[in-house]
Amino acid sequence: MFGVTDLGLFILAGLILNITPGVDLLYIMNRSAAQGKKAGVIAALGIGAGCVVHVLAAALGLSMILVSSSLAFTCVKYLGAAYLIYLGITTFLSLKHKTIRDNSQSSSVLSHRKIFRQAILVNILNPKVALFFMALLPQFVSPGAEHPALAFLFLGVLFNVNGTLVNIVFALFTSALAVKLKAAGTLSRWLKSLIGTLFVALGIRLALTA
């Protein structure tokens, strides 16, 4: 179908990659822990929406710009790194705010629309996602495919759907865990600190990636 080969292997590889901790999953878990399952699910859908951009870019061949142009890759890389560091800093600031006004709807509480927008940016500004699509998808497209763009599009959509489902599961799990932590009196302050640290660390790591 569409010149796609080894579809089962592609689905398996995609699922393994989806459960591997990364920036997208970290953002979803952050929102789930801070605001509950609905916010986490919205974050997961936002990540999926951002991934659509990468899917279309791969299908249209636009991702080759990031692969072939060091300038384009560097610009997107630094934008993504800066955004991750910004998310980490705002996470730390929300902890400080919570100390002043504990148990309230603090600045760490974002509107669902803002969560969706942030999630899209987290995904789009990660050049590794674009490179991932350009590296993985061609392995499962037959060299003799009549319409390779359709094959890219089909595989990308399939990967995104599976990935979104996995992300929603993580959102629900994180939300349930956060509720138990709160009930036990060990509110995830340490978890927020860890997440903030990881955001900053991932941003620095992305910036330093060659």
N, C-alpha and C. Protein backbone atom coordinates (compact mmCIF):
# COMPACT_ATOMS: atom_id res chain seq x y z
N MET A 1 0.84 -1.20 0.00
CA MET A 1 0.00 0.00 0.00
C MET A 1 0.87 1.25 0.00
N PHE A 2 0.69 2.11 -0.99
CA PHE A 2 1.46 3.35 -1.14
C PHE A 2 2.96 3.09 -1.30
N GLY A 3 3.34 1.83 -1.57
CA GLY A 3 4.76 1.54 -1.69
C GLY A 3 5.45 1.40 -0.35
N VAL A 4 4.69 1.10 0.70
CA VAL A 4 5.25 0.94 2.05
C VAL A 4 5.68 -0.50 2.26
N THR A 5 6.83 -0.70 2.91
CA THR A 5 7.32 -2.04 3.20
C THR A 5 7.49 -2.23 4.70
N ASP A 6 7.41 -3.48 5.15
CA ASP A 6 7.65 -3.83 6.56
C ASP A 6 6.83 -2.95 7.51
N LEU A 7 5.52 -2.89 7.27
CA LEU A 7 4.67 -2.01 8.05
C LEU A 7 4.67 -2.39 9.54
N GLY A 8 4.61 -3.69 9.81
CA GLY A 8 4.61 -4.14 11.20
C GLY A 8 5.87 -3.71 11.94
N LEU A 9 7.01 -3.83 11.28
CA LEU A 9 8.27 -3.43 11.89
C LEU A 9 8.30 -1.92 12.12
N PHE A 10 7.72 -1.16 11.19
CA PHE A 10 7.66 0.29 11.36
C PHE A 10 6.83 0.66 12.58
N ILE A 11 5.68 0.02 12.75
CA ILE A 11 4.82 0.31 13.90
C ILE A 11 5.54 -0.01 15.20
N LEU A 12 6.24 -1.16 15.22
CA LEU A 12 6.98 -1.55 16.43
C LEU A 12 8.09 -0.55 16.74
N ALA A 13 8.84 -0.16 15.71
CA ALA A 13 9.92 0.81 15.90
C ALA A 13 9.37 2.14 16.39
N GLY A 14 8.24 2.54 15.84
CA GLY A 14 7.62 3.79 16.24
C GLY A 14 7.18 3.78 17.70
N LEU A 15 6.59 2.66 18.13
CA LEU A 15 6.13 2.55 19.51
C LEU A 15 7.31 2.58 20.49
N ILE A 16 8.40 1.93 20.12
CA ILE A 16 9.59 1.94 20.98
C ILE A 16 10.12 3.36 21.12
N LEU A 17 10.15 4.08 20.01
CA LEU A 17 10.63 5.46 20.04
C LEU A 17 9.69 6.37 20.83
N ASN A 18 8.39 6.10 20.73
CA ASN A 18 7.41 6.93 21.42
C ASN A 18 7.49 6.82 22.94
N ILE A 19 7.88 5.65 23.43
CA ILE A 19 7.95 5.48 24.89
C ILE A 19 9.32 5.86 25.43
N THR A 20 10.23 6.26 24.54
CA THR A 20 11.55 6.72 24.98
C THR A 20 11.43 8.14 25.50
N PRO A 21 11.84 8.40 26.75
CA PRO A 21 11.70 9.75 27.33
C PRO A 21 12.38 10.82 26.47
N GLY A 22 11.70 11.92 26.28
CA GLY A 22 12.25 13.02 25.49
C GLY A 22 11.55 14.32 25.86
N VAL A 23 11.80 15.35 25.10
CA VAL A 23 11.26 16.68 25.38
C VAL A 23 9.73 16.66 25.34
N ASP A 24 9.15 16.04 24.31
CA ASP A 24 7.69 16.02 24.18
C ASP A 24 7.03 15.35 25.38
N LEU A 25 7.53 14.19 25.74
CA LEU A 25 6.97 13.44 26.86
C LEU A 25 7.14 14.20 28.17
N LEU A 26 8.26 14.87 28.31
CA LEU A 26 8.52 15.65 29.52
C LEU A 26 7.52 16.78 29.67
N TYR A 27 7.21 17.45 28.56
CA TYR A 27 6.24 18.55 28.63
C TYR A 27 4.86 18.03 29.00
N ILE A 28 4.46 16.91 28.42
CA ILE A 28 3.15 16.32 28.72
C ILE A 28 3.06 15.95 30.19
N MET A 29 4.10 15.32 30.72
CA MET A 29 4.11 14.93 32.12
C MET A 29 4.08 16.15 33.04
N ASN A 30 4.76 17.21 32.62
CA ASN A 30 4.77 18.44 33.40
C ASN A 30 3.37 19.03 33.54
N ARG A 31 2.68 19.13 32.42
CA ARG A 31 1.32 19.68 32.46
C ARG A 31 0.35 18.76 33.19
N SER A 32 0.52 17.46 33.04
CA SER A 32 -0.36 16.51 33.72
C SER A 32 -0.19 16.60 35.22
N ALA A 33 1.07 16.69 35.67
CA ALA A 33 1.34 16.77 37.11
C ALA A 33 0.86 18.09 37.69
N ALA A 34 0.95 19.16 36.90
CA ALA A 34 0.61 20.49 37.41
C ALA A 34 -0.88 20.77 37.39
N GLN A 35 -1.58 20.27 36.33
CA GLN A 35 -2.97 20.68 36.14
C GLN A 35 -3.96 19.55 35.92
N GLY A 36 -3.51 18.32 35.96
CA GLY A 36 -4.45 17.22 35.83
C GLY A 36 -4.51 16.60 34.45
N LYS A 37 -5.34 15.57 34.34
CA LYS A 37 -5.35 14.76 33.12
C LYS A 37 -5.83 15.51 31.88
N LYS A 38 -6.79 16.43 32.04
CA LYS A 38 -7.29 17.16 30.87
C LYS A 38 -6.18 18.00 30.26
N ALA A 39 -5.41 18.69 31.11
CA ALA A 39 -4.30 19.50 30.61
C ALA A 39 -3.26 18.61 29.95
N GLY A 40 -3.01 17.43 30.54
CA GLY A 40 -2.04 16.51 29.96
C GLY A 40 -2.48 16.00 28.60
N VAL A 41 -3.76 15.68 28.48
CA VAL A 41 -4.28 15.20 27.19
C VAL A 41 -4.20 16.30 26.14
N ILE A 42 -4.50 17.53 26.53
CA ILE A 42 -4.41 18.66 25.59
C ILE A 42 -2.96 18.85 25.15
N ALA A 43 -2.02 18.70 26.10
CA ALA A 43 -0.61 18.80 25.74
C ALA A 43 -0.23 17.70 24.75
N ALA A 44 -0.75 16.49 24.96
CA ALA A 44 -0.47 15.39 24.04
C ALA A 44 -1.02 15.68 22.65
N LEU A 45 -2.21 16.26 22.59
CA LEU A 45 -2.80 16.62 21.30
C LEU A 45 -2.00 17.74 20.64
N GLY A 46 -1.48 18.67 21.45
CA GLY A 46 -0.64 19.74 20.90
C GLY A 46 0.64 19.20 20.30
N ILE A 47 1.26 18.24 21.00
CA ILE A 47 2.46 17.59 20.46
C ILE A 47 2.14 16.92 19.14
N GLY A 48 0.98 16.26 19.08
CA GLY A 48 0.56 15.62 17.84
C GLY A 48 0.34 16.62 16.72
N ALA A 49 -0.24 17.78 17.06
CA ALA A 49 -0.45 18.83 16.05
C ALA A 49 0.89 19.35 15.53
N GLY A 50 1.86 19.52 16.42
CA GLY A 50 3.18 19.95 15.98
C GLY A 50 3.83 18.92 15.08
N CYS A 51 3.59 17.65 15.41
CA CYS A 51 4.18 16.57 14.62
C CYS A 51 3.62 16.56 13.20
N VAL A 52 2.38 17.02 13.05
CA VAL A 52 1.77 17.10 11.71
C VAL A 52 2.62 17.97 10.79
N VAL A 53 3.16 19.06 11.34
CA VAL A 53 4.02 19.95 10.56
C VAL A 53 5.24 19.18 10.04
N HIS A 54 5.85 18.38 10.91
CA HIS A 54 7.02 17.60 10.51
C HIS A 54 6.64 16.53 9.48
N VAL A 55 5.47 15.94 9.64
CA VAL A 55 5.00 14.92 8.68
C VAL A 55 4.83 15.53 7.30
N LEU A 56 4.16 16.69 7.25
CA LEU A 56 3.95 17.35 5.96
C LEU A 56 5.27 17.81 5.35
N ALA A 57 6.17 18.29 6.20
CA ALA A 57 7.48 18.73 5.71
C ALA A 57 8.26 17.57 5.13
N ALA A 58 8.19 16.42 5.80
CA ALA A 58 8.89 15.24 5.29
C ALA A 58 8.27 14.78 3.97
N ALA A 59 6.93 14.79 3.92
CA ALA A 59 6.25 14.34 2.71
C ALA A 59 6.55 15.26 1.52
N LEU A 60 6.69 16.54 1.79
CA LEU A 60 6.95 17.52 0.73
C LEU A 60 8.44 17.73 0.46
N GLY A 61 9.28 17.09 1.29
CA GLY A 61 10.71 17.20 1.09
C GLY A 61 11.33 18.43 1.72
N LEU A 62 10.51 19.21 2.46
CA LEU A 62 11.04 20.44 3.05
C LEU A 62 12.04 20.17 4.17
N SER A 63 11.92 19.02 4.82
CA SER A 63 12.84 18.70 5.91
C SER A 63 14.27 18.56 5.42
N MET A 64 14.43 18.35 4.12
CA MET A 64 15.78 18.25 3.56
C MET A 64 16.55 19.56 3.75
N ILE A 65 15.81 20.65 3.92
CA ILE A 65 16.47 21.93 4.17
C ILE A 65 17.26 21.86 5.47
N LEU A 66 16.63 21.28 6.51
CA LEU A 66 17.31 21.15 7.79
C LEU A 66 18.49 20.18 7.70
N VAL A 67 18.34 19.17 6.85
CA VAL A 67 19.40 18.18 6.71
C VAL A 67 20.58 18.75 5.94
N SER A 68 20.29 19.52 4.89
CA SER A 68 21.35 19.98 3.99
C SER A 68 21.89 21.37 4.36
N SER A 69 21.12 22.16 5.10
CA SER A 69 21.55 23.51 5.44
C SER A 69 21.94 23.59 6.91
N SER A 70 23.21 23.78 7.16
CA SER A 70 23.68 23.88 8.55
C SER A 70 23.14 25.14 9.21
N LEU A 71 22.96 26.21 8.43
CA LEU A 71 22.44 27.45 8.99
C LEU A 71 21.00 27.28 9.47
N ALA A 72 20.17 26.65 8.63
CA ALA A 72 18.77 26.43 9.00
C ALA A 72 18.68 25.54 10.23
N PHE A 73 19.48 24.48 10.24
CA PHE A 73 19.47 23.57 11.39
C PHE A 73 19.90 24.29 12.66
N THR A 74 20.94 25.11 12.55
CA THR A 74 21.46 25.82 13.72
C THR A 74 20.43 26.81 14.26
N CYS A 75 19.75 27.52 13.37
CA CYS A 75 18.74 28.49 13.80
C CYS A 75 17.61 27.80 14.56
N VAL A 76 17.08 26.72 13.98
CA VAL A 76 15.99 26.00 14.63
C VAL A 76 16.46 25.38 15.94
N LYS A 77 17.71 24.89 15.94
CA LYS A 77 18.26 24.25 17.14
C LYS A 77 18.32 25.25 18.30
N TYR A 78 18.83 26.44 18.03
CA TYR A 78 18.96 27.43 19.11
C TYR A 78 17.60 27.98 19.55
N LEU A 79 16.67 28.10 18.63
CA LEU A 79 15.31 28.51 19.01
C LEU A 79 14.69 27.47 19.94
N GLY A 80 14.84 26.20 19.56
CA GLY A 80 14.30 25.13 20.40
C GLY A 80 14.97 25.08 21.76
N ALA A 81 16.29 25.24 21.78
CA ALA A 81 17.04 25.22 23.05
C ALA A 81 16.58 26.35 23.96
N ALA A 82 16.43 27.55 23.38
CA ALA A 82 16.01 28.71 24.17
C ALA A 82 14.60 28.50 24.74
N TYR A 83 13.73 27.88 23.94
CA TYR A 83 12.36 27.66 24.39
C TYR A 83 12.31 26.64 25.53
N LEU A 84 13.13 25.59 25.44
CA LEU A 84 13.19 24.60 26.51
C LEU A 84 13.70 25.22 27.81
N ILE A 85 14.73 26.04 27.70
CA ILE A 85 15.27 26.70 28.89
C ILE A 85 14.22 27.64 29.49
N TYR A 86 13.49 28.32 28.62
CA TYR A 86 12.40 29.20 29.08
C TYR A 86 11.36 28.40 29.87
N LEU A 87 10.98 27.24 29.35
CA LEU A 87 10.00 26.40 30.05
C LEU A 87 10.53 25.95 31.40
N GLY A 88 11.83 25.61 31.45
CA GLY A 88 12.44 25.21 32.71
C GLY A 88 12.41 26.33 33.73
N ILE A 89 12.76 27.55 33.29
CA ILE A 89 12.79 28.70 34.19
C ILE A 89 11.39 29.03 34.70
N THR A 90 10.39 28.97 33.82
CA THR A 90 9.02 29.26 34.26
C THR A 90 8.51 28.21 35.24
N THR A 91 8.99 26.97 35.09
CA THR A 91 8.63 25.92 36.04
C THR A 91 9.19 26.25 37.42
N PHE A 92 10.45 26.69 37.47
CA PHE A 92 11.06 27.09 38.74
C PHE A 92 10.33 28.30 39.34
N LEU A 93 9.99 29.27 38.50
CA LEU A 93 9.29 30.46 38.98
C LEU A 93 7.92 30.11 39.55
N SER A 94 7.27 29.09 38.97
CA SER A 94 5.96 28.68 39.48
C SER A 94 6.09 28.10 40.88
N LEU A 95 7.23 27.45 41.17
CA LEU A 95 7.47 26.92 42.51
C LEU A 95 7.61 28.06 43.51
N LYS A 96 8.33 29.11 43.13
CA LYS A 96 8.51 30.27 44.00
C LYS A 96 7.19 30.95 44.27
N HIS A 97 6.39 31.06 43.22
CA HIS A 97 5.08 31.68 43.35
C HIS A 97 4.19 30.86 44.27
N LYS A 98 4.32 29.54 44.17
CA LYS A 98 3.49 28.66 44.99
C LYS A 98 3.86 28.79 46.46
N THR A 99 5.12 29.07 46.74
CA THR A 99 5.54 29.24 48.12
C THR A 99 4.85 30.47 48.73
N ILE A 100 4.67 31.50 47.91
CA ILE A 100 4.03 32.73 48.38
C ILE A 100 2.52 32.56 48.51
N ARG A 101 1.92 31.91 47.50
CA ARG A 101 0.48 31.72 47.53
C ARG A 101 0.16 30.24 47.32
N ASP A 102 0.39 29.49 48.34
CA ASP A 102 0.20 28.04 48.27
C ASP A 102 -1.27 27.71 48.09
N ASN A 103 -1.49 26.59 47.41
CA ASN A 103 -2.81 26.02 47.26
C ASN A 103 -3.76 26.93 46.47
N SER A 104 -3.26 27.62 45.46
CA SER A 104 -4.09 28.52 44.68
C SER A 104 -3.89 28.27 43.20
N GLN A 105 -4.68 28.95 42.40
CA GLN A 105 -4.53 28.87 40.96
C GLN A 105 -3.38 29.79 40.58
N SER A 106 -2.17 29.33 40.69
CA SER A 106 -0.99 30.17 40.52
C SER A 106 -0.63 30.34 39.07
N SER A 107 0.51 31.02 38.86
CA SER A 107 0.95 31.28 37.49
C SER A 107 1.35 30.02 36.76
N SER A 108 1.50 28.89 37.52
CA SER A 108 1.84 27.64 36.85
C SER A 108 0.64 27.05 36.13
N VAL A 109 -0.56 27.58 36.44
CA VAL A 109 -1.78 27.10 35.80
C VAL A 109 -1.97 27.86 34.50
N LEU A 110 -1.93 27.12 33.40
CA LEU A 110 -2.06 27.73 32.09
C LEU A 110 -3.42 27.40 31.49
N SER A 111 -3.90 28.27 30.63
CA SER A 111 -5.14 27.97 29.92
C SER A 111 -4.89 26.81 28.97
N HIS A 112 -5.95 26.09 28.66
CA HIS A 112 -5.80 24.94 27.76
C HIS A 112 -5.31 25.38 26.38
N ARG A 113 -5.73 26.56 25.97
CA ARG A 113 -5.27 27.08 24.67
C ARG A 113 -3.77 27.33 24.69
N LYS A 114 -3.27 27.89 25.80
CA LYS A 114 -1.83 28.15 25.89
C LYS A 114 -1.03 26.85 25.98
N ILE A 115 -1.56 25.87 26.70
CA ILE A 115 -0.89 24.56 26.76
C ILE A 115 -0.77 23.97 25.37
N PHE A 116 -1.85 24.05 24.60
CA PHE A 116 -1.85 23.50 23.24
C PHE A 116 -0.81 24.20 22.38
N ARG A 117 -0.75 25.54 22.47
CA ARG A 117 0.22 26.31 21.69
C ARG A 117 1.65 25.98 22.11
N GLN A 118 1.89 25.91 23.41
CA GLN A 118 3.23 25.59 23.89
C GLN A 118 3.67 24.21 23.41
N ALA A 119 2.76 23.25 23.47
CA ALA A 119 3.09 21.89 23.05
C ALA A 119 3.46 21.85 21.57
N ILE A 120 2.74 22.60 20.75
CA ILE A 120 3.06 22.66 19.32
C ILE A 120 4.47 23.20 19.13
N LEU A 121 4.80 24.28 19.85
CA LEU A 121 6.13 24.88 19.71
C LEU A 121 7.23 23.94 20.20
N VAL A 122 6.97 23.25 21.31
CA VAL A 122 7.95 22.30 21.83
C VAL A 122 8.33 21.28 20.76
N ASN A 123 7.33 20.80 20.02
CA ASN A 123 7.58 19.79 19.00
C ASN A 123 8.20 20.39 17.74
N ILE A 124 7.64 21.49 17.27
CA ILE A 124 8.12 22.09 16.02
C ILE A 124 9.56 22.56 16.15
N LEU A 125 9.91 23.13 17.32
CA LEU A 125 11.25 23.70 17.49
C LEU A 125 12.30 22.67 17.87
N ASN A 126 11.97 21.42 17.72
CA ASN A 126 12.95 20.36 17.96
C ASN A 126 13.41 19.81 16.60
N PRO A 127 14.58 20.25 16.12
CA PRO A 127 15.03 19.81 14.79
C PRO A 127 15.28 18.32 14.71
N LYS A 128 15.48 17.69 15.86
CA LYS A 128 15.72 16.25 15.85
C LYS A 128 14.49 15.47 15.38
N VAL A 129 13.30 16.06 15.57
CA VAL A 129 12.09 15.40 15.09
C VAL A 129 12.10 15.36 13.56
N ALA A 130 12.46 16.49 12.95
CA ALA A 130 12.54 16.54 11.49
C ALA A 130 13.58 15.56 10.97
N LEU A 131 14.73 15.53 11.62
CA LEU A 131 15.79 14.62 11.19
C LEU A 131 15.38 13.17 11.40
N PHE A 132 14.61 12.93 12.47
CA PHE A 132 14.12 11.58 12.73
C PHE A 132 13.24 11.10 11.57
N PHE A 133 12.31 11.95 11.14
CA PHE A 133 11.43 11.56 10.04
C PHE A 133 12.22 11.30 8.76
N MET A 134 13.20 12.15 8.49
CA MET A 134 13.98 11.98 7.27
C MET A 134 14.88 10.75 7.34
N ALA A 135 15.25 10.33 8.54
CA ALA A 135 16.12 9.16 8.69
C ALA A 135 15.33 7.86 8.72
N LEU A 136 14.18 7.86 9.41
CA LEU A 136 13.44 6.62 9.60
C LEU A 136 12.50 6.28 8.45
N LEU A 137 11.70 7.26 8.02
CA LEU A 137 10.66 6.97 7.04
C LEU A 137 11.18 6.37 5.74
N PRO A 138 12.29 6.87 5.18
CA PRO A 138 12.76 6.28 3.91
C PRO A 138 13.09 4.79 4.01
N GLN A 139 13.39 4.31 5.22
CA GLN A 139 13.72 2.90 5.39
C GLN A 139 12.53 1.99 5.11
N PHE A 140 11.33 2.56 5.15
CA PHE A 140 10.12 1.76 4.99
C PHE A 140 9.32 2.14 3.74
N VAL A 141 9.97 2.84 2.84
CA VAL A 141 9.35 3.19 1.56
C VAL A 141 10.08 2.44 0.45
N SER A 142 9.35 1.72 -0.35
CA SER A 142 9.95 0.95 -1.44
C SER A 142 10.61 1.88 -2.46
N PRO A 143 11.83 1.54 -2.90
CA PRO A 143 12.51 2.37 -3.90
C PRO A 143 11.70 2.54 -5.18
N GLY A 144 10.83 1.57 -5.43
CA GLY A 144 10.03 1.62 -6.66
C GLY A 144 8.64 2.20 -6.46
N ALA A 145 8.41 2.85 -5.34
CA ALA A 145 7.09 3.41 -5.06
C ALA A 145 6.72 4.46 -6.09
N GLU A 146 5.49 4.37 -6.62
CA GLU A 146 5.05 5.31 -7.64
C GLU A 146 4.84 6.71 -7.05
N HIS A 147 4.37 6.74 -5.82
CA HIS A 147 4.10 8.04 -5.18
C HIS A 147 4.76 8.05 -3.81
N PRO A 148 6.07 8.30 -3.75
CA PRO A 148 6.78 8.28 -2.46
C PRO A 148 6.25 9.31 -1.47
N ALA A 149 5.74 10.44 -1.96
CA ALA A 149 5.20 11.45 -1.05
C ALA A 149 4.00 10.91 -0.28
N LEU A 150 3.16 10.11 -0.95
CA LEU A 150 2.02 9.50 -0.28
C LEU A 150 2.48 8.47 0.75
N ALA A 151 3.55 7.75 0.42
CA ALA A 151 4.10 6.78 1.36
C ALA A 151 4.62 7.48 2.61
N PHE A 152 5.36 8.59 2.41
CA PHE A 152 5.85 9.38 3.54
C PHE A 152 4.68 9.87 4.39
N LEU A 153 3.65 10.37 3.72
CA LEU A 153 2.50 10.93 4.43
C LEU A 153 1.78 9.84 5.22
N PHE A 154 1.59 8.69 4.62
CA PHE A 154 0.91 7.59 5.30
C PHE A 154 1.68 7.14 6.54
N LEU A 155 2.98 6.94 6.39
CA LEU A 155 3.80 6.51 7.52
C LEU A 155 3.85 7.58 8.61
N GLY A 156 3.96 8.83 8.20
CA GLY A 156 4.01 9.91 9.18
C GLY A 156 2.73 10.02 9.98
N VAL A 157 1.59 9.92 9.30
CA VAL A 157 0.30 9.98 9.98
C VAL A 157 0.13 8.80 10.93
N LEU A 158 0.52 7.62 10.47
CA LEU A 158 0.42 6.42 11.31
C LEU A 158 1.29 6.56 12.56
N PHE A 159 2.51 7.04 12.38
CA PHE A 159 3.41 7.25 13.52
C PHE A 159 2.82 8.27 14.48
N ASN A 160 2.26 9.33 13.95
CA ASN A 160 1.72 10.41 14.79
C ASN A 160 0.50 9.93 15.58
N VAL A 161 -0.37 9.17 14.94
CA VAL A 161 -1.55 8.66 15.64
C VAL A 161 -1.14 7.74 16.78
N ASN A 162 -0.23 6.81 16.49
CA ASN A 162 0.24 5.90 17.55
C ASN A 162 0.95 6.67 18.66
N GLY A 163 1.76 7.65 18.27
CA GLY A 163 2.48 8.45 19.25
C GLY A 163 1.55 9.26 20.14
N THR A 164 0.50 9.80 19.54
CA THR A 164 -0.47 10.59 20.33
C THR A 164 -1.19 9.71 21.34
N LEU A 165 -1.54 8.50 20.93
CA LEU A 165 -2.20 7.57 21.86
C LEU A 165 -1.28 7.22 23.03
N VAL A 166 -0.01 6.98 22.72
CA VAL A 166 0.97 6.69 23.78
C VAL A 166 1.11 7.88 24.71
N ASN A 167 1.18 9.07 24.15
CA ASN A 167 1.33 10.28 24.96
C ASN A 167 0.12 10.51 25.87
N ILE A 168 -1.07 10.19 25.38
CA ILE A 168 -2.27 10.34 26.20
C ILE A 168 -2.23 9.38 27.38
N VAL A 169 -1.75 8.16 27.12
CA VAL A 169 -1.62 7.18 28.21
C VAL A 169 -0.66 7.71 29.28
N PHE A 170 0.46 8.28 28.85
CA PHE A 170 1.42 8.85 29.79
C PHE A 170 0.80 10.02 30.56
N ALA A 171 -0.01 10.82 29.87
CA ALA A 171 -0.67 11.95 30.53
C ALA A 171 -1.60 11.48 31.64
N LEU A 172 -2.39 10.46 31.35
CA LEU A 172 -3.33 9.93 32.33
C LEU A 172 -2.60 9.29 33.51
N PHE A 173 -1.52 8.57 33.20
CA PHE A 173 -0.74 7.92 34.26
C PHE A 173 -0.09 8.96 35.18
N THR A 174 0.50 9.99 34.58
CA THR A 174 1.17 11.02 35.37
C THR A 174 0.17 11.78 36.23
N SER A 175 -1.00 12.06 35.67
CA SER A 175 -2.03 12.76 36.42
C SER A 175 -2.47 11.94 37.64
N ALA A 176 -2.69 10.63 37.43
CA ALA A 176 -3.10 9.76 38.53
C ALA A 176 -2.02 9.69 39.60
N LEU A 177 -0.77 9.63 39.17
CA LEU A 177 0.34 9.58 40.12
C LEU A 177 0.42 10.87 40.92
N ALA A 178 0.23 12.00 40.25
CA ALA A 178 0.29 13.30 40.92
C ALA A 178 -0.80 13.42 41.97
N VAL A 179 -1.99 12.90 41.66
CA VAL A 179 -3.10 12.93 42.62
C VAL A 179 -2.74 12.13 43.87
N LYS A 180 -2.12 10.98 43.69
CA LYS A 180 -1.73 10.15 44.83
C LYS A 180 -0.65 10.84 45.66
N LEU A 181 0.27 11.53 44.99
CA LEU A 181 1.32 12.24 45.71
C LEU A 181 0.72 13.37 46.55
N LYS A 182 -0.24 14.05 45.98
CA LYS A 182 -0.89 15.14 46.72
C LYS A 182 -1.66 14.58 47.91
N ALA A 183 -2.37 13.46 47.70
CA ALA A 183 -3.15 12.86 48.78
C ALA A 183 -2.24 12.38 49.90
N ALA A 184 -1.03 11.99 49.53
CA ALA A 184 -0.09 11.49 50.54
C ALA A 184 0.64 12.63 51.24
N GLY A 185 0.35 13.86 50.84
CA GLY A 185 1.00 15.00 51.47
C GLY A 185 2.39 15.26 50.95
N THR A 186 2.77 14.60 49.86
CA THR A 186 4.10 14.81 49.26
C THR A 186 3.92 15.45 47.91
N LEU A 187 3.25 16.57 47.91
CA LEU A 187 2.97 17.30 46.66
C LEU A 187 4.22 17.39 45.81
N SER A 188 4.00 17.18 44.51
CA SER A 188 5.14 16.99 43.61
C SER A 188 5.99 18.23 43.41
N ARG A 189 6.37 18.87 44.52
CA ARG A 189 7.31 19.98 44.43
C ARG A 189 8.66 19.48 43.93
N TRP A 190 9.06 18.32 44.45
CA TRP A 190 10.33 17.75 44.00
C TRP A 190 10.24 17.34 42.54
N LEU A 191 9.02 16.88 42.12
CA LEU A 191 8.85 16.48 40.73
C LEU A 191 8.94 17.68 39.81
N LYS A 192 8.34 18.80 40.23
CA LYS A 192 8.42 20.02 39.43
C LYS A 192 9.86 20.52 39.34
N SER A 193 10.57 20.43 40.46
CA SER A 193 11.97 20.85 40.45
C SER A 193 12.78 19.99 39.48
N LEU A 194 12.50 18.70 39.51
CA LEU A 194 13.19 17.78 38.60
C LEU A 194 12.86 18.09 37.15
N ILE A 195 11.58 18.33 36.88
CA ILE A 195 11.15 18.63 35.51
C ILE A 195 11.77 19.93 35.03
N GLY A 196 11.78 20.95 35.90
CA GLY A 196 12.41 22.22 35.52
C GLY A 196 13.87 22.04 35.21
N THR A 197 14.55 21.25 36.04
CA THR A 197 15.98 20.99 35.82
C THR A 197 16.20 20.25 34.49
N LEU A 198 15.33 19.29 34.21
CA LEU A 198 15.46 18.52 32.97
C LEU A 198 15.21 19.38 31.74
N PHE A 199 14.23 20.28 31.82
CA PHE A 199 13.97 21.19 30.70
C PHE A 199 15.22 22.03 30.40
N VAL A 200 15.80 22.60 31.45
CA VAL A 200 16.99 23.44 31.26
C VAL A 200 18.15 22.59 30.73
N ALA A 201 18.33 21.40 31.31
CA ALA A 201 19.42 20.51 30.88
C ALA A 201 19.25 20.09 29.42
N LEU A 202 18.00 19.76 29.03
CA LEU A 202 17.75 19.37 27.64
C LEU A 202 17.98 20.54 26.69
N GLY A 203 17.59 21.75 27.14
CA GLY A 203 17.82 22.93 26.31
C GLY A 203 19.29 23.17 26.08
N ILE A 204 20.09 23.06 27.16
CA ILE A 204 21.54 23.25 27.03
C ILE A 204 22.14 22.14 26.16
N ARG A 205 21.67 20.92 26.37
CA ARG A 205 22.19 19.80 25.58
C ARG A 205 21.89 19.98 24.10
N LEU A 206 20.65 20.44 23.80
CA LEU A 206 20.29 20.69 22.40
C LEU A 206 21.16 21.78 21.79
N ALA A 207 21.40 22.83 22.56
CA ALA A 207 22.22 23.95 22.06
C ALA A 207 23.66 23.51 21.78
N LEU A 208 24.14 22.55 22.57
CA LEU A 208 25.53 22.11 22.40
C LEU A 208 25.68 20.96 21.41
N THR A 209 24.54 20.44 20.93
CA THR A 209 24.60 19.34 19.97
C THR A 209 25.19 19.82 18.66
N ALA A 210 26.14 19.07 18.16
CA ALA A 210 26.81 19.46 16.90
C ALA A 210 25.87 19.22 15.73
